[in-house]
Amino acid sequence: IIGSEFNFNSPKQVKELLYDKMKFPVQYKHKKITTDEAAINKLMQRYPSEKVLRLIVSCRKISKLINTFLDMSLIEGKMVTAYNASGTKGARISSSKTLWGTGMNLQNIPVGKSKGVENIRNLFVPAKGKIFLNADLVQAESMVVGELLHKLGDPTLRNLHQKKDFDIHNWMAAHFLSKPEIEVTKKEREAFGKIPNHSGNYGAGPIVMVNKAAKEEVEGINFQVAKQLIATRHRLIPGLKKWWRNVEKQLRSTRTLTTPFGRRRIFFGRLDETTFRDAYSFIPQSTVGEVLNMILTKIEMNVNSKLDILLQVH
């Protein structure tokens, strides 16, 4: 289409093609020119009929699928991973290839939620005589945030989570769209519920929300809509800002936060917006990680040896 050889994984070549040759509006990330997935997805929203943009995104996804997930070295036919207990700044763990270059990160296997990305989890099959079991905590981080806000005088989120079958994403979308929760569609739940809830708990602004929606290919969120979503969320959950100010006060005083399980983290460096957003998420994310590990440890110690714990993907 463009009339020459082209490496879609080269930021330099993509920049020259899109911004210099084809004259698309330049996209920025942290004040630097970018051609990452979110940038091209934003351009696709503005120019939906542009074939070159769609092909770059498609080729990158196929390339990543092959190089990251399919070209793997196995050990005796088994997929392995290496866990790093200190791989994150909180209680989460990370995983990667082993020291011998076998296996892979098993915490981000595609499930086919994004356009053009296949669900490859069915490539993994249990050993002979075994079955896979999968369990999940329901909206756990939101529940932790609800408890934190309750301690500061706003029981809104805590009370909502005590309702049977409560879905916070449906609830948020319904209030934003001024319609009954039962009438909220799956796409509306994703765009006007899930995106602002996941971003909104931790101080994300409208630009962060727009970029997150673009990266996940969720339609319907531009800068103006993102601002309205944030305003709606603060109206519904007034304690959020009070919680953030409380976290900022602790950082300015001691630079230290402690989870309910006693995990301490000292925040070094400049106390700016980026550091504060990182701090807001520390206690909820770490608490859920701790709870999951406690559950899995009890299972390991109390259930018969026929059960093998394979993954913790929080």
C-alpha atoms as a PDB file:
ATOM      1  CA  ILE A   1       0.000   0.000   0.000  1.00  0.00           C
ATOM      2  CA  ILE A   2       2.742   2.497   0.932  1.00  0.00           C
ATOM      3  CA  GLY A   3       4.989   1.454  -1.977  1.00  0.00           C
ATOM      4  CA  SER A   4       8.095   0.381  -0.055  1.00  0.00           C
ATOM      5  CA  GLU A   5       9.485  -2.087   2.472  1.00  0.00           C
ATOM      6  CA  PHE A   6       8.255  -1.296   5.979  1.00  0.00           C
ATOM      7  CA  ASN A   7       8.961  -2.570   9.508  1.00  0.00           C
ATOM      8  CA  PHE A   8       5.769  -2.119  11.537  1.00  0.00           C
ATOM      9  CA  ASN A   9       7.693  -2.790  14.778  1.00  0.00           C
ATOM     10  CA  SER A  10      10.145   0.066  14.173  1.00  0.00           C
ATOM     11  CA  PRO A  11       9.031   3.233  16.051  1.00  0.00           C
ATOM     12  CA  LYS A  12      11.280   5.312  13.783  1.00  0.00           C
ATOM     13  CA  GLN A  13       9.787   3.946  10.545  1.00  0.00           C
ATOM     14  CA  VAL A  14       6.201   4.147  11.842  1.00  0.00           C
ATOM     15  CA  LYS A  15       6.797   7.746  12.987  1.00  0.00           C
ATOM     16  CA  GLU A  16       8.211   8.736   9.584  1.00  0.00           C
ATOM     17  CA  LEU A  17       5.329   7.068   7.738  1.00  0.00           C
ATOM     18  CA  LEU A  18       2.423   8.340   9.863  1.00  0.00           C
ATOM     19  CA  TYR A  19       3.564  11.805  10.876  1.00  0.00           C
ATOM     20  CA  ASP A  20       6.040  12.869   8.165  1.00  0.00           C
ATOM     21  CA  LYS A  21       4.727  11.150   5.036  1.00  0.00           C
ATOM     22  CA  MET A  22       0.993  10.674   5.697  1.00  0.00           C
ATOM     23  CA  LYS A  23       0.655  13.840   7.855  1.00  0.00           C
ATOM     24  CA  PHE A  24      -1.503  12.323  10.611  1.00  0.00           C
ATOM     25  CA  PRO A  25      -1.811  14.444  13.802  1.00  0.00           C
ATOM     26  CA  VAL A  26       1.233  13.770  15.974  1.00  0.00           C
ATOM     27  CA  GLN A  27       0.425  11.787  19.140  1.00  0.00           C
ATOM     28  CA  TYR A  28       2.297  12.369  22.395  1.00  0.00           C
ATOM     29  CA  LYS A  29       2.960  10.392  25.567  1.00  0.00           C
ATOM     30  CA  HIS A  30       4.649  12.150  28.501  1.00  0.00           C
ATOM     31  CA  LYS A  31       5.330  15.057  26.105  1.00  0.00           C
ATOM     32  CA  LYS A  32       7.244  12.776  23.711  1.00  0.00           C
ATOM     33  CA  ILE A  33       6.139  11.709  20.234  1.00  0.00           C
ATOM     34  CA  THR A  34       4.775   8.157  20.301  1.00  0.00           C
ATOM     35  CA  THR A  35       3.572   5.512  17.853  1.00  0.00           C
ATOM     36  CA  ASP A  36       2.488   3.001  20.489  1.00  0.00           C
ATOM     37  CA  GLU A  37      -0.716   0.993  20.344  1.00  0.00           C
ATOM     38  CA  ALA A  38      -2.804   3.579  22.203  1.00  0.00           C
ATOM     39  CA  ALA A  39      -1.646   6.343  19.840  1.00  0.00           C
ATOM     40  CA  ILE A  40      -2.546   4.394  16.712  1.00  0.00           C
ATOM     41  CA  ASN A  41      -5.873   3.326  18.211  1.00  0.00           C
ATOM     42  CA  LYS A  42      -6.700   6.990  18.810  1.00  0.00           C
ATOM     43  CA  LEU A  43      -5.878   7.755  15.179  1.00  0.00           C
ATOM     44  CA  MET A  44      -8.063   4.833  14.094  1.00  0.00           C
ATOM     45  CA  GLN A  45     -10.985   6.344  15.982  1.00  0.00           C
ATOM     46  CA  ARG A  46     -10.542   9.597  14.050  1.00  0.00           C
ATOM     47  CA  TYR A  47      -9.817   7.914  10.702  1.00  0.00           C
ATOM     48  CA  PRO A  48     -11.750   4.603  10.810  1.00  0.00           C
ATOM     49  CA  SER A  49     -11.450   3.950   7.057  1.00  0.00           C
ATOM     50  CA  GLU A  50      -7.637   4.274   6.971  1.00  0.00           C
ATOM     51  CA  LYS A  51      -6.328   0.840   6.016  1.00  0.00           C
ATOM     52  CA  VAL A  52      -2.664   1.526   6.875  1.00  0.00           C
ATOM     53  CA  LEU A  53      -3.489   2.154  10.549  1.00  0.00           C
ATOM     54  CA  ARG A  54      -5.530  -1.034  10.810  1.00  0.00           C
ATOM     55  CA  LEU A  55      -2.773  -3.089   9.184  1.00  0.00           C
ATOM     56  CA  ILE A  56      -0.065  -1.747  11.528  1.00  0.00           C
ATOM     57  CA  VAL A  57      -2.146  -2.675  14.585  1.00  0.00           C
ATOM     58  CA  SER A  58      -3.061  -6.079  13.120  1.00  0.00           C
ATOM     59  CA  CYS A  59       0.515  -6.959  12.136  1.00  0.00           C
ATOM     60  CA  ARG A  60       1.869  -5.921  15.525  1.00  0.00           C
ATOM     61  CA  LYS A  61      -0.670  -8.117  17.325  1.00  0.00           C
ATOM     62  CA  ILE A  62       0.114 -11.120  15.159  1.00  0.00           C
ATOM     63  CA  SER A  63       3.854 -10.566  15.618  1.00  0.00           C
ATOM     64  CA  LYS A  64       3.460 -10.272  19.397  1.00  0.00           C
ATOM     65  CA  LEU A  65       1.269 -13.378  19.529  1.00  0.00           C
ATOM     66  CA  ILE A  66       3.901 -15.428  17.698  1.00  0.00           C
ATOM     67  CA  ASN A  67       7.036 -14.050  19.383  1.00  0.00           C
ATOM     68  CA  THR A  68       5.679 -13.678  22.915  1.00  0.00           C
ATOM     69  CA  PHE A  69       3.233 -16.543  23.304  1.00  0.00           C
ATOM     70  CA  LEU A  70       3.734 -19.200  20.617  1.00  0.00           C
ATOM     71  CA  ASP A  71       7.519 -19.482  20.061  1.00  0.00           C
ATOM     72  CA  MET A  72       8.170 -20.973  23.487  1.00  0.00           C
ATOM     73  CA  SER A  73      10.620 -23.581  24.733  1.00  0.00           C
ATOM     74  CA  LEU A  74       8.926 -26.279  26.790  1.00  0.00           C
ATOM     75  CA  ILE A  75      10.362 -28.669  29.374  1.00  0.00           C
ATOM     76  CA  GLU A  76       9.258 -32.242  28.653  1.00  0.00           C
ATOM     77  CA  GLY A  77       6.169 -30.916  26.930  1.00  0.00           C
ATOM     78  CA  LYS A  78       5.219 -28.676  29.852  1.00  0.00           C
ATOM     79  CA  MET A  79       4.946 -24.901  29.996  1.00  0.00           C
ATOM     80  CA  VAL A  80       6.863 -23.435  32.932  1.00  0.00           C
ATOM     81  CA  THR A  81       7.331 -20.034  34.490  1.00  0.00           C
ATOM     82  CA  ALA A  82       9.599 -18.341  37.028  1.00  0.00           C
ATOM     83  CA  TYR A  83       7.979 -16.324  39.801  1.00  0.00           C
ATOM     84  CA  ASN A  84       9.570 -13.230  41.312  1.00  0.00           C
ATOM     85  CA  ALA A  85       8.154 -12.579  44.771  1.00  0.00           C
ATOM     86  CA  SER A  86       9.658  -9.085  44.755  1.00  0.00           C
ATOM     87  CA  GLY A  87       8.835  -8.369  41.122  1.00  0.00           C
ATOM     88  CA  THR A  88       6.437  -5.547  41.961  1.00  0.00           C
ATOM     89  CA  LYS A  89       6.457  -2.718  44.493  1.00  0.00           C
ATOM     90  CA  GLY A  90       3.536  -4.210  46.443  1.00  0.00           C
ATOM     91  CA  ALA A  91       2.314  -7.666  47.363  1.00  0.00           C
ATOM     92  CA  ARG A  92       1.747  -8.748  43.776  1.00  0.00           C
ATOM     93  CA  ILE A  93       4.142 -11.238  42.206  1.00  0.00           C
ATOM     94  CA  SER A  94       5.467 -11.250  38.652  1.00  0.00           C
ATOM     95  CA  SER A  95       6.454 -14.111  36.365  1.00  0.00           C
ATOM     96  CA  SER A  96       8.771 -14.539  33.396  1.00  0.00           C
ATOM     97  CA  LYS A  97      10.918 -17.001  31.466  1.00  0.00           C
ATOM     98  CA  THR A  98      13.185 -19.193  33.574  1.00  0.00           C
ATOM     99  CA  LEU A  99      16.927 -18.593  33.885  1.00  0.00           C
ATOM    100  CA  TRP A 100      17.411 -21.200  31.139  1.00  0.00           C
ATOM    101  CA  GLY A 101      15.203 -19.336  28.658  1.00  0.00           C
ATOM    102  CA  THR A 102      12.316 -21.791  28.864  1.00  0.00           C
ATOM    103  CA  GLY A 103       8.678 -20.972  29.473  1.00  0.00           C
ATOM    104  CA  MET A 104       7.188 -17.510  29.693  1.00  0.00           C
ATOM    105  CA  ASN A 105       5.221 -14.983  31.718  1.00  0.00           C
ATOM    106  CA  LEU A 106       2.007 -16.886  32.455  1.00  0.00           C
ATOM    107  CA  GLN A 107       0.102 -13.969  33.996  1.00  0.00           C
ATOM    108  CA  ASN A 108      -0.994 -12.280  30.773  1.00  0.00           C
ATOM    109  CA  ILE A 109      -2.097 -15.041  28.409  1.00  0.00           C
ATOM    110  CA  PRO A 110      -4.579 -13.486  25.909  1.00  0.00           C
ATOM    111  CA  VAL A 111      -8.237 -14.387  26.431  1.00  0.00           C
ATOM    112  CA  GLY A 112      -9.483 -12.771  23.234  1.00  0.00           C
ATOM    113  CA  LYS A 113     -11.111  -9.680  24.780  1.00  0.00           C
ATOM    114  CA  SER A 114      -9.354  -7.217  22.447  1.00  0.00           C
ATOM    115  CA  LYS A 115     -10.197  -6.966  18.774  1.00  0.00           C
ATOM    116  CA  GLY A 116      -7.917  -9.068  16.605  1.00  0.00           C
ATOM    117  CA  VAL A 117      -6.438 -10.987  19.552  1.00  0.00           C
ATOM    118  CA  GLU A 118      -7.155 -14.691  19.725  1.00  0.00           C
ATOM    119  CA  ASN A 119      -7.993 -16.517  22.933  1.00  0.00           C
ATOM    120  CA  ILE A 120      -5.041 -18.881  23.251  1.00  0.00           C
ATOM    121  CA  ARG A 121      -5.760 -20.248  26.710  1.00  0.00           C
ATOM    122  CA  ASN A 122      -7.196 -23.364  25.129  1.00  0.00           C
ATOM    123  CA  LEU A 123      -3.642 -24.266  24.037  1.00  0.00           C
ATOM    124  CA  PHE A 124      -2.953 -25.200  27.657  1.00  0.00           C
ATOM    125  CA  VAL A 125      -4.273 -28.612  28.684  1.00  0.00           C
ATOM    126  CA  PRO A 126      -3.980 -30.363  32.049  1.00  0.00           C
ATOM    127  CA  ALA A 127      -1.774 -33.386  32.616  1.00  0.00           C
ATOM    128  CA  LYS A 128      -3.349 -36.806  32.097  1.00  0.00           C
ATOM    129  CA  GLY A 129      -5.894 -37.557  34.810  1.00  0.00           C
ATOM    130  CA  LYS A 130      -6.113 -33.905  35.894  1.00  0.00           C
ATOM    131  CA  ILE A 131      -8.548 -31.036  35.272  1.00  0.00           C
ATOM    132  CA  PHE A 132      -8.123 -27.281  35.530  1.00  0.00           C
ATOM    133  CA  LEU A 133     -10.006 -25.364  38.244  1.00  0.00           C
ATOM    134  CA  ASN A 134     -10.263 -21.580  38.161  1.00  0.00           C
ATOM    135  CA  ALA A 135     -11.364 -19.279  40.999  1.00  0.00           C
ATOM    136  CA  ASP A 136     -11.568 -15.512  41.352  1.00  0.00           C
ATOM    137  CA  LEU A 137     -12.320 -12.892  43.989  1.00  0.00           C
ATOM    138  CA  VAL A 138     -15.251 -10.650  43.029  1.00  0.00           C
ATOM    139  CA  GLN A 139     -14.359  -6.943  42.609  1.00  0.00           C
ATOM    140  CA  ALA A 140     -11.882  -7.346  45.453  1.00  0.00           C
ATOM    141  CA  GLU A 141      -9.907  -4.109  45.018  1.00  0.00           C
ATOM    142  CA  SER A 142     -13.104  -2.086  44.958  1.00  0.00           C
ATOM    143  CA  MET A 143     -14.174  -3.750  48.217  1.00  0.00           C
ATOM    144  CA  VAL A 144     -10.866  -2.788  49.853  1.00  0.00           C
ATOM    145  CA  VAL A 145     -11.303   0.805  48.663  1.00  0.00           C
ATOM    146  CA  GLY A 146     -14.816   0.715  50.148  1.00  0.00           C
ATOM    147  CA  GLU A 147     -13.408  -0.261  53.552  1.00  0.00           C
ATOM    148  CA  LEU A 148     -10.780   2.499  53.397  1.00  0.00           C
ATOM    149  CA  LEU A 149     -13.422   5.112  52.550  1.00  0.00           C
ATOM    150  CA  HIS A 150     -15.711   3.799  55.311  1.00  0.00           C
ATOM    151  CA  LYS A 151     -12.966   4.430  57.880  1.00  0.00           C
ATOM    152  CA  LEU A 152     -12.806   8.032  56.646  1.00  0.00           C
ATOM    153  CA  GLY A 153     -16.563   8.553  56.954  1.00  0.00           C
ATOM    154  CA  ASP A 154     -17.952   7.577  53.529  1.00  0.00           C
ATOM    155  CA  PRO A 155     -19.736   4.178  53.692  1.00  0.00           C
ATOM    156  CA  THR A 156     -21.208   4.435  50.145  1.00  0.00           C
ATOM    157  CA  LEU A 157     -19.007   1.854  48.436  1.00  0.00           C
ATOM    158  CA  ARG A 158     -18.884  -0.480  51.437  1.00  0.00           C
ATOM    159  CA  ASN A 159     -22.681  -0.553  51.736  1.00  0.00           C
ATOM    160  CA  LEU A 160     -23.099  -1.205  48.006  1.00  0.00           C
ATOM    161  CA  HIS A 161     -20.729  -4.182  48.099  1.00  0.00           C
ATOM    162  CA  GLN A 162     -22.783  -5.735  50.900  1.00  0.00           C
ATOM    163  CA  LYS A 163     -25.740  -6.097  48.512  1.00  0.00           C
ATOM    164  CA  LYS A 164     -26.189  -9.535  46.984  1.00  0.00           C
ATOM    165  CA  ASP A 165     -24.929  -9.811  43.374  1.00  0.00           C
ATOM    166  CA  PHE A 166     -23.858  -6.165  43.311  1.00  0.00           C
ATOM    167  CA  ASP A 167     -21.896  -5.239  40.161  1.00  0.00           C
ATOM    168  CA  ILE A 168     -20.036  -1.942  40.549  1.00  0.00           C
ATOM    169  CA  HIS A 169     -19.409  -1.579  36.813  1.00  0.00           C
ATOM    170  CA  ASN A 170     -23.123  -1.942  36.006  1.00  0.00           C
ATOM    171  CA  TRP A 171     -23.938   0.473  38.822  1.00  0.00           C
ATOM    172  CA  MET A 172     -21.504   3.119  37.577  1.00  0.00           C
ATOM    173  CA  ALA A 173     -22.645   2.856  33.947  1.00  0.00           C
ATOM    174  CA  ALA A 174     -26.322   3.001  34.936  1.00  0.00           C
ATOM    175  CA  HIS A 175     -25.831   6.221  36.928  1.00  0.00           C
ATOM    176  CA  PHE A 176     -23.776   7.824  34.176  1.00  0.00           C
ATOM    177  CA  LEU A 177     -26.324   6.945  31.486  1.00  0.00           C
ATOM    178  CA  SER A 178     -29.349   7.608  33.760  1.00  0.00           C
ATOM    179  CA  LYS A 179     -30.904   4.210  33.071  1.00  0.00           C
ATOM    180  CA  PRO A 180     -31.773   1.098  35.140  1.00  0.00           C
ATOM    181  CA  GLU A 181     -28.860  -1.270  35.820  1.00  0.00           C
ATOM    182  CA  ILE A 182     -30.719  -4.137  34.155  1.00  0.00           C
ATOM    183  CA  GLU A 183     -30.748  -2.187  30.868  1.00  0.00           C
ATOM    184  CA  VAL A 184     -26.989  -1.559  30.751  1.00  0.00           C
ATOM    185  CA  THR A 185     -25.423  -3.376  27.802  1.00  0.00           C
ATOM    186  CA  LYS A 186     -22.111  -5.240  27.883  1.00  0.00           C
ATOM    187  CA  LYS A 187     -20.412  -2.488  25.837  1.00  0.00           C
ATOM    188  CA  GLU A 188     -21.819   0.236  28.090  1.00  0.00           C
ATOM    189  CA  ARG A 189     -20.649  -1.646  31.181  1.00  0.00           C
ATOM    190  CA  GLU A 190     -17.136  -1.881  29.701  1.00  0.00           C
ATOM    191  CA  ALA A 191     -16.899   1.767  28.620  1.00  0.00           C
ATOM    192  CA  PHE A 192     -18.854   3.699  31.259  1.00  0.00           C
ATOM    193  CA  GLY A 193     -18.396   1.326  34.191  1.00  0.00           C
ATOM    194  CA  LYS A 194     -15.205  -0.692  34.052  1.00  0.00           C
ATOM    195  CA  ILE A 195     -12.884   1.940  32.553  1.00  0.00           C
ATOM    196  CA  PRO A 196     -13.758   4.756  35.034  1.00  0.00           C
ATOM    197  CA  ASN A 197     -13.884   2.367  38.000  1.00  0.00           C
ATOM    198  CA  HIS A 198     -10.457   0.831  37.370  1.00  0.00           C
ATOM    199  CA  SER A 199      -8.869   4.196  36.592  1.00  0.00           C
ATOM    200  CA  GLY A 200     -10.961   6.375  38.898  1.00  0.00           C
ATOM    201  CA  ASN A 201     -10.073   4.728  42.205  1.00  0.00           C
ATOM    202  CA  TYR A 202      -6.449   5.755  41.808  1.00  0.00           C
ATOM    203  CA  GLY A 203      -6.659   9.358  40.654  1.00  0.00           C
ATOM    204  CA  ALA A 204      -6.441   8.954  36.886  1.00  0.00           C
ATOM    205  CA  GLY A 205      -7.304  12.090  34.922  1.00  0.00           C
ATOM    206  CA  PRO A 206      -9.259  12.269  31.657  1.00  0.00           C
ATOM    207  CA  ILE A 207      -6.179  11.832  29.444  1.00  0.00           C
ATOM    208  CA  VAL A 208      -5.171   8.638  31.276  1.00  0.00           C
ATOM    209  CA  MET A 209      -8.732   7.353  30.921  1.00  0.00           C
ATOM    210  CA  VAL A 210      -8.883   8.156  27.195  1.00  0.00           C
ATOM    211  CA  ASN A 211      -5.534   6.421  26.614  1.00  0.00           C
ATOM    212  CA  LYS A 212      -6.642   3.364  28.603  1.00  0.00           C
ATOM    213  CA  ALA A 213      -9.852   3.132  26.561  1.00  0.00           C
ATOM    214  CA  ALA A 214      -7.886   3.498  23.314  1.00  0.00           C
ATOM    215  CA  LYS A 215      -5.386   0.827  24.352  1.00  0.00           C
ATOM    216  CA  GLU A 216      -8.166  -1.612  25.229  1.00  0.00           C
ATOM    217  CA  GLU A 217     -10.121  -0.578  22.112  1.00  0.00           C
ATOM    218  CA  VAL A 218     -13.154   0.468  24.149  1.00  0.00           C
ATOM    219  CA  GLU A 219     -15.314   2.838  22.136  1.00  0.00           C
ATOM    220  CA  GLY A 220     -17.227   5.885  23.336  1.00  0.00           C
ATOM    221  CA  ILE A 221     -14.681   7.617  25.583  1.00  0.00           C
ATOM    222  CA  ASN A 222     -13.202  10.919  24.444  1.00  0.00           C
ATOM    223  CA  PHE A 223     -11.741  13.686  26.628  1.00  0.00           C
ATOM    224  CA  GLN A 224     -15.102  15.313  27.352  1.00  0.00           C
ATOM    225  CA  VAL A 225     -16.808  11.998  28.212  1.00  0.00           C
ATOM    226  CA  ALA A 226     -13.874  11.073  30.467  1.00  0.00           C
ATOM    227  CA  LYS A 227     -14.246  14.372  32.380  1.00  0.00           C
ATOM    228  CA  GLN A 228     -17.983  13.688  32.828  1.00  0.00           C
ATOM    229  CA  LEU A 229     -17.284  10.136  34.038  1.00  0.00           C
ATOM    230  CA  ILE A 230     -14.806  11.406  36.634  1.00  0.00           C
ATOM    231  CA  ALA A 231     -17.261  14.075  37.836  1.00  0.00           C
ATOM    232  CA  THR A 232     -20.068  11.501  38.099  1.00  0.00           C
ATOM    233  CA  ARG A 233     -17.839   9.172  40.096  1.00  0.00           C
ATOM    234  CA  HIS A 234     -16.901  11.866  42.611  1.00  0.00           C
ATOM    235  CA  ARG A 235     -20.557  12.810  42.990  1.00  0.00           C
ATOM    236  CA  LEU A 236     -21.492   9.164  43.673  1.00  0.00           C
ATOM    237  CA  ILE A 237     -18.511   8.403  45.937  1.00  0.00           C
ATOM    238  CA  PRO A 238     -17.628  11.675  47.719  1.00  0.00           C
ATOM    239  CA  GLY A 239     -15.032  10.053  49.997  1.00  0.00           C
ATOM    240  CA  LEU A 240     -12.530   9.378  47.204  1.00  0.00           C
ATOM    241  CA  LYS A 241     -10.876  12.800  47.311  1.00  0.00           C
ATOM    242  CA  LYS A 242     -10.722  12.727  51.115  1.00  0.00           C
ATOM    243  CA  TRP A 243      -8.943   9.336  50.936  1.00  0.00           C
ATOM    244  CA  TRP A 244      -6.452  10.667  48.376  1.00  0.00           C
ATOM    245  CA  ARG A 245      -5.693  13.739  50.506  1.00  0.00           C
ATOM    246  CA  ASN A 246      -5.172  11.433  53.498  1.00  0.00           C
ATOM    247  CA  VAL A 247      -2.680   9.316  51.529  1.00  0.00           C
ATOM    248  CA  GLU A 248      -0.840  12.448  50.351  1.00  0.00           C
ATOM    249  CA  LYS A 249      -0.672  13.712  53.932  1.00  0.00           C
ATOM    250  CA  GLN A 250       0.893  10.425  55.090  1.00  0.00           C
ATOM    251  CA  LEU A 251       3.486  10.570  52.315  1.00  0.00           C
ATOM    252  CA  ARG A 252       4.426  14.155  53.117  1.00  0.00           C
ATOM    253  CA  SER A 253       4.739  13.234  56.791  1.00  0.00           C
ATOM    254  CA  THR A 254       6.546   9.874  56.738  1.00  0.00           C
ATOM    255  CA  ARG A 255       6.752   8.816  53.042  1.00  0.00           C
ATOM    256  CA  THR A 256       5.436   5.461  54.289  1.00  0.00           C
ATOM    257  CA  LEU A 257       2.214   3.496  53.817  1.00  0.00           C
ATOM    258  CA  THR A 258       1.311   0.263  55.621  1.00  0.00           C
ATOM    259  CA  THR A 259      -1.277  -2.308  54.507  1.00  0.00           C
ATOM    260  CA  PRO A 260      -3.740  -4.008  56.913  1.00  0.00           C
ATOM    261  CA  PHE A 261      -1.370  -7.014  56.882  1.00  0.00           C
ATOM    262  CA  GLY A 262       1.616  -4.923  57.945  1.00  0.00           C
ATOM    263  CA  ARG A 263       3.399  -4.615  54.585  1.00  0.00           C
ATOM    264  CA  ARG A 264       5.293  -1.294  54.584  1.00  0.00           C
ATOM    265  CA  ARG A 265       6.419   0.677  51.585  1.00  0.00           C
ATOM    266  CA  ILE A 266       8.567   3.788  51.597  1.00  0.00           C
ATOM    267  CA  PHE A 267       7.981   6.125  48.652  1.00  0.00           C
ATOM    268  CA  PHE A 268      11.225   7.679  47.454  1.00  0.00           C
ATOM    269  CA  GLY A 269      11.735  10.465  44.939  1.00  0.00           C
ATOM    270  CA  ARG A 270       9.605  13.477  44.109  1.00  0.00           C
ATOM    271  CA  LEU A 271       6.139  13.704  45.654  1.00  0.00           C
ATOM    272  CA  ASP A 272       4.277  14.509  42.450  1.00  0.00           C
ATOM    273  CA  GLU A 273       1.075  13.357  40.740  1.00  0.00           C
ATOM    274  CA  THR A 274       2.674  10.139  39.453  1.00  0.00           C
ATOM    275  CA  THR A 275       3.943   9.162  42.903  1.00  0.00           C
ATOM    276  CA  PHE A 276       0.600   9.955  44.523  1.00  0.00           C
ATOM    277  CA  ARG A 277      -1.344   7.822  41.998  1.00  0.00           C
ATOM    278  CA  ASP A 278       1.076   4.974  42.687  1.00  0.00           C
ATOM    279  CA  ALA A 279       0.466   5.451  46.407  1.00  0.00           C
ATOM    280  CA  TYR A 280      -3.343   5.415  46.104  1.00  0.00           C
ATOM    281  CA  SER A 281      -3.192   1.937  44.523  1.00  0.00           C
ATOM    282  CA  PHE A 282      -0.636   0.455  46.912  1.00  0.00           C
ATOM    283  CA  ILE A 283      -2.891  -0.623  49.800  1.00  0.00           C
ATOM    284  CA  PRO A 284      -5.840  -1.996  47.733  1.00  0.00           C
ATOM    285  CA  GLN A 285      -3.643  -3.925  45.277  1.00  0.00           C
ATOM    286  CA  SER A 286      -1.282  -5.236  47.941  1.00  0.00           C
ATOM    287  CA  THR A 287      -4.134  -6.260  50.232  1.00  0.00           C
ATOM    288  CA  VAL A 288      -5.768  -8.343  47.493  1.00  0.00           C
ATOM    289  CA  GLY A 289      -2.410  -9.938  46.681  1.00  0.00           C
ATOM    290  CA  GLU A 290      -1.894 -10.827  50.346  1.00  0.00           C
ATOM    291  CA  VAL A 291      -5.403 -12.298  50.671  1.00  0.00           C
ATOM    292  CA  LEU A 292      -4.934 -14.459  47.578  1.00  0.00           C
ATOM    293  CA  ASN A 293      -1.593 -15.785  48.801  1.00  0.00           C
ATOM    294  CA  MET A 294      -3.055 -16.561  52.238  1.00  0.00           C
ATOM    295  CA  ILE A 295      -5.919 -18.483  50.612  1.00  0.00           C
ATOM    296  CA  LEU A 296      -3.573 -20.449  48.347  1.00  0.00           C
ATOM    297  CA  THR A 297      -1.227 -21.210  51.251  1.00  0.00           C
ATOM    298  CA  LYS A 298      -4.125 -22.627  53.315  1.00  0.00           C
ATOM    299  CA  ILE A 299      -5.242 -24.744  50.353  1.00  0.00           C
ATOM    300  CA  GLU A 300      -1.706 -26.049  49.875  1.00  0.00           C
ATOM    301  CA  MET A 301      -1.409 -26.974  53.554  1.00  0.00           C
ATOM    302  CA  ASN A 302      -4.877 -28.437  54.104  1.00  0.00           C
ATOM    303  CA  VAL A 303      -6.024 -30.071  50.863  1.00  0.00           C
ATOM    304  CA  ASN A 304      -4.872 -33.541  49.824  1.00  0.00           C
ATOM    305  CA  SER A 305      -1.905 -33.877  47.486  1.00  0.00           C
ATOM    306  CA  LYS A 306      -4.041 -34.500  44.393  1.00  0.00           C
ATOM    307  CA  LEU A 307      -4.492 -30.753  44.001  1.00  0.00           C
ATOM    308  CA  ASP A 308      -1.654 -28.702  42.501  1.00  0.00           C
ATOM    309  CA  ILE A 309      -1.615 -24.909  42.647  1.00  0.00           C
ATOM    310  CA  LEU A 310      -0.330 -23.721  39.273  1.00  0.00           C
ATOM    311  CA  LEU A 311      -0.956 -19.977  38.953  1.00  0.00           C
ATOM    312  CA  GLN A 312      -1.731 -16.806  40.865  1.00  0.00           C
ATOM    313  CA  VAL A 313      -2.400 -14.107  38.312  1.00  0.00           C
ATOM    314  CA  HIS A 314      -3.335 -11.026  40.361  1.00  0.00           C
END
